[in-house]
Amino acid sequence: LDGPAWLALSSGEALDGVLARLPPDAVQAMRRAQVIAASQRLAELAATRGFTRITRAADARPATLVRAMVDARRRPPADVSG
């Protein structure tokens, strides 16, 4: 990736499907993206899938995910590893 990358995460099944279909080098690149997770469960799932830059949004509405992206640019991501 040649710049900031963001992943709005609202489905664990979709994330697993994408990760299963991508070649390993693309998965590694994707794991460098900043994840905006729609729930704590999805944030934890992203962490178990190797993502390290994870921010939790208040809910799964598109406007809320975008707001969380804007806010995340202003502060470091929270640790969701427990």
N, C-alpha and C. Protein backbone atom coordinates (compact mmCIF):
# COMPACT_ATOMS: atom_id res chain seq x y z
N LEU A 1 0.84 -1.18 0.00
CA LEU A 1 0.00 0.00 0.00
C LEU A 1 0.88 1.23 0.00
N ASP A 2 0.53 2.17 -0.83
CA ASP A 2 1.36 3.37 -0.98
C ASP A 2 0.82 4.57 -0.22
N GLY A 3 0.09 4.38 0.78
CA GLY A 3 -0.46 5.48 1.56
C GLY A 3 -1.34 4.94 2.66
N PRO A 4 -2.00 5.84 3.36
CA PRO A 4 -2.88 5.38 4.43
C PRO A 4 -3.98 4.48 3.87
N ALA A 5 -4.26 3.41 4.57
CA ALA A 5 -5.32 2.49 4.17
C ALA A 5 -6.25 2.28 5.36
N TRP A 6 -7.52 2.23 5.07
CA TRP A 6 -8.54 2.07 6.09
C TRP A 6 -9.43 0.89 5.73
N LEU A 7 -9.86 0.16 6.74
CA LEU A 7 -10.78 -0.95 6.55
C LEU A 7 -11.95 -0.76 7.51
N ALA A 8 -13.12 -0.47 6.95
CA ALA A 8 -14.34 -0.38 7.76
C ALA A 8 -14.86 -1.79 7.93
N LEU A 9 -14.85 -2.28 9.15
CA LEU A 9 -15.18 -3.67 9.42
C LEU A 9 -16.54 -3.78 10.10
N SER A 10 -17.50 -4.36 9.37
CA SER A 10 -18.83 -4.56 9.93
C SER A 10 -19.30 -6.00 9.82
N SER A 11 -18.44 -6.89 9.31
CA SER A 11 -18.80 -8.30 9.18
C SER A 11 -17.58 -9.18 9.35
N GLY A 12 -17.61 -10.02 10.36
CA GLY A 12 -16.52 -10.97 10.56
C GLY A 12 -16.47 -12.01 9.47
N GLU A 13 -17.62 -12.44 9.00
CA GLU A 13 -17.68 -13.42 7.92
C GLU A 13 -17.07 -12.87 6.64
N ALA A 14 -17.36 -11.61 6.34
CA ALA A 14 -16.77 -10.99 5.15
C ALA A 14 -15.26 -10.87 5.29
N LEU A 15 -14.79 -10.46 6.48
CA LEU A 15 -13.35 -10.36 6.69
C LEU A 15 -12.67 -11.71 6.48
N ASP A 16 -13.22 -12.75 7.07
CA ASP A 16 -12.62 -14.08 6.91
C ASP A 16 -12.65 -14.53 5.46
N GLY A 17 -13.73 -14.23 4.75
CA GLY A 17 -13.83 -14.60 3.34
C GLY A 17 -12.77 -13.92 2.49
N VAL A 18 -12.56 -12.63 2.73
CA VAL A 18 -11.54 -11.89 1.98
C VAL A 18 -10.15 -12.42 2.31
N LEU A 19 -9.87 -12.60 3.58
CA LEU A 19 -8.54 -13.09 3.97
C LEU A 19 -8.26 -14.48 3.40
N ALA A 20 -9.28 -15.30 3.29
CA ALA A 20 -9.09 -16.66 2.76
C ALA A 20 -8.82 -16.65 1.26
N ARG A 21 -9.27 -15.63 0.56
CA ARG A 21 -9.14 -15.59 -0.90
C ARG A 21 -7.94 -14.79 -1.41
N LEU A 22 -7.39 -13.93 -0.57
CA LEU A 22 -6.26 -13.11 -1.00
C LEU A 22 -4.96 -13.90 -0.96
N PRO A 23 -4.03 -13.58 -1.85
CA PRO A 23 -2.70 -14.18 -1.75
C PRO A 23 -1.99 -13.65 -0.50
N PRO A 24 -1.04 -14.40 0.03
CA PRO A 24 -0.38 -14.02 1.29
C PRO A 24 0.21 -12.60 1.30
N ASP A 25 0.79 -12.15 0.19
CA ASP A 25 1.36 -10.80 0.19
C ASP A 25 0.28 -9.73 0.30
N ALA A 26 -0.88 -9.98 -0.28
CA ALA A 26 -1.99 -9.03 -0.17
C ALA A 26 -2.57 -9.03 1.24
N VAL A 27 -2.61 -10.18 1.89
CA VAL A 27 -3.07 -10.25 3.28
C VAL A 27 -2.13 -9.45 4.17
N GLN A 28 -0.84 -9.60 3.97
CA GLN A 28 0.13 -8.84 4.78
C GLN A 28 -0.06 -7.34 4.58
N ALA A 29 -0.27 -6.93 3.34
CA ALA A 29 -0.51 -5.50 3.07
C ALA A 29 -1.80 -5.04 3.74
N MET A 30 -2.82 -5.84 3.65
CA MET A 30 -4.11 -5.48 4.24
C MET A 30 -4.00 -5.35 5.76
N ARG A 31 -3.18 -6.17 6.39
CA ARG A 31 -3.03 -6.12 7.84
C ARG A 31 -2.37 -4.82 8.31
N ARG A 32 -1.77 -4.08 7.42
CA ARG A 32 -1.19 -2.78 7.78
C ARG A 32 -2.23 -1.67 7.80
N ALA A 33 -3.45 -1.96 7.35
CA ALA A 33 -4.51 -0.96 7.31
C ALA A 33 -4.99 -0.63 8.72
N GLN A 34 -5.50 0.57 8.87
CA GLN A 34 -6.18 0.97 10.10
C GLN A 34 -7.59 0.41 10.03
N VAL A 35 -7.96 -0.42 10.99
CA VAL A 35 -9.30 -1.02 11.03
C VAL A 35 -10.22 -0.15 11.88
N ILE A 36 -11.41 0.09 11.36
CA ILE A 36 -12.48 0.72 12.12
C ILE A 36 -13.53 -0.36 12.31
N ALA A 37 -13.61 -0.89 13.51
CA ALA A 37 -14.50 -2.02 13.79
C ALA A 37 -15.83 -1.52 14.34
N ALA A 38 -16.92 -2.13 13.86
CA ALA A 38 -18.26 -1.71 14.24
C ALA A 38 -18.69 -2.24 15.62
N SER A 39 -17.89 -3.11 16.22
CA SER A 39 -18.23 -3.64 17.55
C SER A 39 -16.95 -4.13 18.23
N GLN A 40 -17.05 -4.35 19.52
CA GLN A 40 -15.91 -4.90 20.25
C GLN A 40 -15.57 -6.29 19.74
N ARG A 41 -16.60 -7.08 19.45
CA ARG A 41 -16.38 -8.44 18.93
C ARG A 41 -15.58 -8.40 17.63
N LEU A 42 -15.92 -7.47 16.73
CA LEU A 42 -15.20 -7.36 15.46
C LEU A 42 -13.78 -6.82 15.68
N ALA A 43 -13.62 -5.93 16.63
CA ALA A 43 -12.27 -5.43 16.95
C ALA A 43 -11.39 -6.57 17.44
N GLU A 44 -11.94 -7.41 18.30
CA GLU A 44 -11.19 -8.55 18.81
C GLU A 44 -10.91 -9.56 17.70
N LEU A 45 -11.87 -9.77 16.81
CA LEU A 45 -11.66 -10.67 15.67
C LEU A 45 -10.52 -10.16 14.79
N ALA A 46 -10.53 -8.87 14.50
CA ALA A 46 -9.47 -8.29 13.68
C ALA A 46 -8.11 -8.51 14.34
N ALA A 47 -8.04 -8.34 15.64
CA ALA A 47 -6.79 -8.56 16.36
C ALA A 47 -6.33 -10.01 16.22
N THR A 48 -7.26 -10.95 16.33
CA THR A 48 -6.87 -12.36 16.20
C THR A 48 -6.47 -12.71 14.77
N ARG A 49 -6.89 -11.90 13.81
CA ARG A 49 -6.52 -12.13 12.41
C ARG A 49 -5.24 -11.39 12.01
N GLY A 50 -4.58 -10.77 12.98
CA GLY A 50 -3.28 -10.17 12.73
C GLY A 50 -3.27 -8.67 12.51
N PHE A 51 -4.40 -8.02 12.63
CA PHE A 51 -4.44 -6.56 12.50
C PHE A 51 -4.01 -5.95 13.84
N THR A 52 -3.27 -4.87 13.79
CA THR A 52 -2.78 -4.26 15.02
C THR A 52 -3.26 -2.82 15.21
N ARG A 53 -3.70 -2.18 14.16
CA ARG A 53 -4.17 -0.79 14.25
C ARG A 53 -5.70 -0.82 14.18
N ILE A 54 -6.33 -0.87 15.35
CA ILE A 54 -7.77 -1.10 15.43
C ILE A 54 -8.42 -0.02 16.29
N THR A 55 -9.48 0.55 15.75
CA THR A 55 -10.28 1.52 16.47
C THR A 55 -11.71 1.01 16.51
N ARG A 56 -12.37 1.17 17.61
CA ARG A 56 -13.75 0.71 17.78
C ARG A 56 -14.70 1.86 17.49
N ALA A 57 -15.62 1.68 16.56
CA ALA A 57 -16.67 2.66 16.29
C ALA A 57 -17.83 2.43 17.25
N ALA A 58 -18.69 3.43 17.38
CA ALA A 58 -19.83 3.32 18.30
C ALA A 58 -20.88 2.35 17.80
N ASP A 59 -21.01 2.20 16.48
CA ASP A 59 -21.97 1.25 15.91
C ASP A 59 -21.60 1.03 14.44
N ALA A 60 -22.45 0.30 13.73
CA ALA A 60 -22.12 -0.11 12.35
C ALA A 60 -22.67 0.82 11.28
N ARG A 61 -23.30 1.90 11.65
CA ARG A 61 -23.82 2.82 10.63
C ARG A 61 -22.67 3.44 9.84
N PRO A 62 -22.83 3.56 8.54
CA PRO A 62 -21.75 4.12 7.71
C PRO A 62 -21.24 5.47 8.21
N ALA A 63 -22.13 6.36 8.59
CA ALA A 63 -21.69 7.68 9.06
C ALA A 63 -20.87 7.56 10.34
N THR A 64 -21.22 6.61 11.19
CA THR A 64 -20.47 6.40 12.43
C THR A 64 -19.09 5.83 12.14
N LEU A 65 -19.00 4.92 11.18
CA LEU A 65 -17.69 4.37 10.81
C LEU A 65 -16.80 5.46 10.23
N VAL A 66 -17.36 6.32 9.39
CA VAL A 66 -16.57 7.42 8.81
C VAL A 66 -16.13 8.38 9.91
N ARG A 67 -17.02 8.70 10.84
CA ARG A 67 -16.65 9.59 11.95
C ARG A 67 -15.52 8.97 12.77
N ALA A 68 -15.57 7.67 13.00
CA ALA A 68 -14.50 7.01 13.75
C ALA A 68 -13.18 7.07 12.99
N MET A 69 -13.23 7.00 11.66
CA MET A 69 -12.00 7.15 10.86
C MET A 69 -11.41 8.54 11.04
N VAL A 70 -12.26 9.54 10.96
CA VAL A 70 -11.78 10.92 11.14
C VAL A 70 -11.18 11.10 12.52
N ASP A 71 -11.87 10.60 13.53
CA ASP A 71 -11.37 10.72 14.90
C ASP A 71 -10.06 9.95 15.09
N ALA A 72 -9.95 8.78 14.47
CA ALA A 72 -8.75 7.95 14.61
C ALA A 72 -7.52 8.64 14.03
N ARG A 73 -7.71 9.47 13.04
CA ARG A 73 -6.57 10.20 12.47
C ARG A 73 -5.99 11.17 13.47
N ARG A 74 -6.79 11.55 14.45
CA ARG A 74 -6.37 12.56 15.43
C ARG A 74 -5.73 11.96 16.68
N ARG A 75 -5.85 10.64 16.84
CA ARG A 75 -5.29 10.00 18.05
C ARG A 75 -4.84 8.59 17.72
N PRO A 76 -3.95 8.03 18.54
CA PRO A 76 -3.51 6.65 18.30
C PRO A 76 -4.65 5.67 18.58
N PRO A 77 -4.65 4.50 17.91
CA PRO A 77 -5.70 3.52 18.15
C PRO A 77 -5.64 2.94 19.55
N ALA A 78 -6.79 2.54 20.05
CA ALA A 78 -6.87 1.92 21.38
C ALA A 78 -6.42 0.47 21.28
N ASP A 79 -5.89 -0.04 22.37
CA ASP A 79 -5.50 -1.44 22.45
C ASP A 79 -6.75 -2.27 22.75
N VAL A 80 -7.11 -3.15 21.82
CA VAL A 80 -8.30 -3.99 22.01
C VAL A 80 -7.93 -5.42 22.32
N SER A 81 -6.66 -5.66 22.60
CA SER A 81 -6.21 -7.04 22.81
C SER A 81 -6.64 -7.60 24.16
N GLY A 82 -7.21 -6.77 25.02
CA GLY A 82 -7.74 -7.29 26.29
C GLY A 82 -6.80 -7.11 27.36
